[in-house]
């Protein structure tokens, strides 16, 4: 028999997974560019911190540098970000978001939130208020990871 903690942990994980799948499926697209959750997170970070280095991006996303390189290559080939090399050290690559990247991010976020609203609309006002209180409390008691 599962304990309260095990049942709650399973519910949290399943809810998280379902919401991720629902909000990103079908994948938000702008033109022929599919915006996955990782691509949206990348574009948001670049927009809010530009110009960013590949190292900063890898640390933020908590992935290995080769993974960021592939991610950035894909975003650049779709015209969503721009890479520039440092004048002194060509290995020092800086990343900025393009106007097309800004538009795609705005559309992708809007579509993601619209899909989430469809789920939240199935709850009563009282249930949404209760959910907000509980999620806020869960965030408050959850330790953040060290970078």
Protein backbone atom coordinates (compact mmCIF):
# COMPACT_ATOMS: atom_id res chain seq x y z
CA UNK A 1 0.00 0.00 0.00
CA UNK A 2 1.34 3.39 -0.96
CA UNK A 3 1.95 6.04 1.64
CA UNK A 4 0.46 9.54 1.41
CA UNK A 5 3.82 10.85 0.24
CA UNK A 6 4.09 8.24 -2.51
CA UNK A 7 0.55 8.93 -3.75
CA UNK A 8 1.15 12.68 -3.77
CA UNK A 9 4.53 12.31 -5.47
CA UNK A 10 2.97 10.16 -8.18
CA UNK A 11 0.13 12.65 -8.69
CA UNK A 12 2.55 15.58 -8.95
CA UNK A 13 4.74 13.76 -11.46
CA UNK A 14 1.82 12.54 -13.56
CA UNK A 15 0.19 15.98 -13.56
CA UNK A 16 3.46 17.60 -14.58
CA UNK A 17 3.94 15.14 -17.44
CA UNK A 18 0.35 15.45 -18.70
CA UNK A 19 0.44 19.24 -18.62
CA UNK A 20 3.76 19.31 -20.48
CA UNK A 21 2.39 16.97 -23.15
CA UNK A 22 -0.93 18.80 -23.45
CA UNK A 23 0.49 22.32 -23.64
CA UNK A 24 3.08 21.34 -26.24
CA UNK A 25 0.98 19.03 -28.42
CA UNK A 26 0.37 19.77 -31.15
CA UNK A 27 3.65 21.60 -31.10
CA UNK A 28 3.39 25.33 -31.43
CA UNK A 29 4.52 26.34 -34.89
CA UNK A 30 5.28 29.57 -36.64
CA UNK A 31 5.73 28.93 -40.31
CA UNK A 32 7.54 25.60 -40.47
CA UNK A 33 9.31 26.03 -37.12
CA UNK A 34 8.17 23.68 -34.33
CA UNK A 35 8.69 25.22 -30.91
CA UNK A 36 9.32 22.56 -28.31
CA UNK A 37 9.40 23.34 -24.60
CA UNK A 38 13.21 23.43 -24.72
CA UNK A 39 13.22 25.79 -27.70
CA UNK A 40 10.75 28.09 -25.96
CA UNK A 41 12.88 28.06 -22.78
CA UNK A 42 15.98 28.82 -24.85
CA UNK A 43 14.38 31.71 -26.73
CA UNK A 44 12.99 33.16 -23.48
CA UNK A 45 16.39 33.03 -21.78
CA UNK A 46 18.14 34.60 -24.76
CA UNK A 47 15.49 37.34 -25.03
CA UNK A 48 15.78 38.21 -21.33
CA UNK A 49 19.60 38.03 -21.11
CA UNK A 50 21.00 38.75 -24.55
CA UNK A 51 23.63 38.57 -25.69
CA UNK A 52 24.37 35.22 -24.00
CA UNK A 53 27.29 32.87 -24.37
CA UNK A 54 26.90 29.22 -25.20
CA UNK A 55 28.29 28.42 -21.75
CA UNK A 56 25.66 30.58 -20.03
CA UNK A 57 22.94 28.90 -22.04
CA UNK A 58 24.22 25.40 -21.21
CA UNK A 59 24.31 26.28 -17.50
CA UNK A 60 20.80 27.75 -17.58
CA UNK A 61 19.32 24.76 -19.41
CA UNK A 62 21.46 22.33 -17.36
CA UNK A 63 22.68 20.48 -20.42
CA UNK A 64 26.08 19.68 -21.90
CA UNK A 65 27.69 22.21 -24.28
CA UNK A 66 27.37 19.89 -27.32
CA UNK A 67 23.61 19.74 -26.69
CA UNK A 68 23.41 23.54 -26.69
CA UNK A 69 25.44 23.66 -29.89
CA UNK A 70 22.91 21.42 -31.68
CA UNK A 71 19.98 23.38 -30.23
CA UNK A 72 21.44 26.72 -31.32
CA UNK A 73 22.31 25.39 -34.78
CA UNK A 74 18.68 24.41 -35.27
CA UNK A 75 17.33 27.74 -34.02
CA UNK A 76 19.84 29.66 -36.15
CA UNK A 77 19.04 27.65 -39.28
CA UNK A 78 15.37 28.59 -38.78
CA UNK A 79 16.31 32.26 -38.39
CA UNK A 80 15.17 32.50 -34.76
CA UNK A 81 18.52 33.43 -33.24
CA UNK A 82 21.74 34.99 -34.45
CA UNK A 83 25.23 33.78 -33.52
CA UNK A 84 28.19 36.14 -33.53
CA UNK A 85 31.80 35.29 -32.79
CA UNK A 86 33.99 37.40 -30.54
CA UNK A 87 36.45 39.72 -32.26
CA UNK A 88 39.41 38.46 -30.21
CA UNK A 89 38.39 34.85 -29.76
CA UNK A 90 36.22 33.32 -32.49
CA UNK A 91 35.28 30.49 -30.08
CA UNK A 92 33.48 33.02 -27.87
CA UNK A 93 30.06 32.83 -29.51
CA UNK A 94 27.30 35.22 -28.43
CA UNK A 95 23.66 34.49 -29.13
CA UNK A 96 20.85 37.01 -29.68
CA UNK A 97 17.22 36.60 -30.70
CA UNK A 98 16.03 37.79 -34.11
CA UNK A 99 12.75 39.58 -34.85
CA UNK A 100 11.46 36.28 -36.28
CA UNK A 101 12.52 34.57 -33.05
CA UNK A 102 10.60 37.16 -31.00
CA UNK A 103 7.46 36.63 -33.08
CA UNK A 104 7.75 32.84 -32.91
CA UNK A 105 8.28 32.96 -29.14
CA UNK A 106 5.24 35.19 -28.64
CA UNK A 107 3.07 32.91 -30.78
CA UNK A 108 4.43 29.74 -29.11
CA UNK A 109 3.82 31.10 -25.60
CA UNK A 110 0.34 32.31 -26.52
CA UNK A 111 -0.59 28.88 -27.93
CA UNK A 112 0.85 27.11 -24.89
CA UNK A 113 -1.11 29.33 -22.47
CA UNK A 114 -4.31 28.96 -24.49
CA UNK A 115 -4.06 25.19 -24.21
CA UNK A 116 -3.44 25.45 -20.47
CA UNK A 117 -6.48 27.73 -20.11
CA UNK A 118 -8.62 24.98 -21.64
CA UNK A 119 -7.63 22.72 -18.75
CA UNK A 120 -8.07 25.39 -16.08
CA UNK A 121 -11.51 26.29 -17.44
CA UNK A 122 -12.67 22.81 -16.43
CA UNK A 123 -12.13 23.75 -12.78
CA UNK A 124 -14.49 25.89 -10.72
CA UNK A 125 -13.31 29.26 -9.42
CA UNK A 126 -13.04 27.71 -5.96
CA UNK A 127 -10.92 24.83 -7.28
CA UNK A 128 -8.63 27.23 -9.18
CA UNK A 129 -8.17 29.34 -6.05
CA UNK A 130 -7.38 26.25 -3.99
CA UNK A 131 -4.96 25.00 -6.65
CA UNK A 132 -3.21 28.36 -6.71
CA UNK A 133 -2.77 28.34 -2.93
CA UNK A 134 -1.44 24.78 -2.91
CA UNK A 135 0.94 25.27 -5.83
CA UNK A 136 2.23 28.53 -4.32
CA UNK A 137 2.86 26.74 -1.05
CA UNK A 138 4.56 23.82 -2.82
CA UNK A 139 6.87 26.24 -4.62
CA UNK A 140 7.67 27.97 -1.31
CA UNK A 141 8.71 24.74 0.43
CA UNK A 142 10.63 23.31 -2.53
CA UNK A 143 14.38 23.99 -2.34
CA UNK A 144 16.02 25.41 -5.45
CA UNK A 145 18.94 23.63 -7.01
CA UNK A 146 22.42 25.07 -6.83
CA UNK A 147 24.02 26.14 -10.09
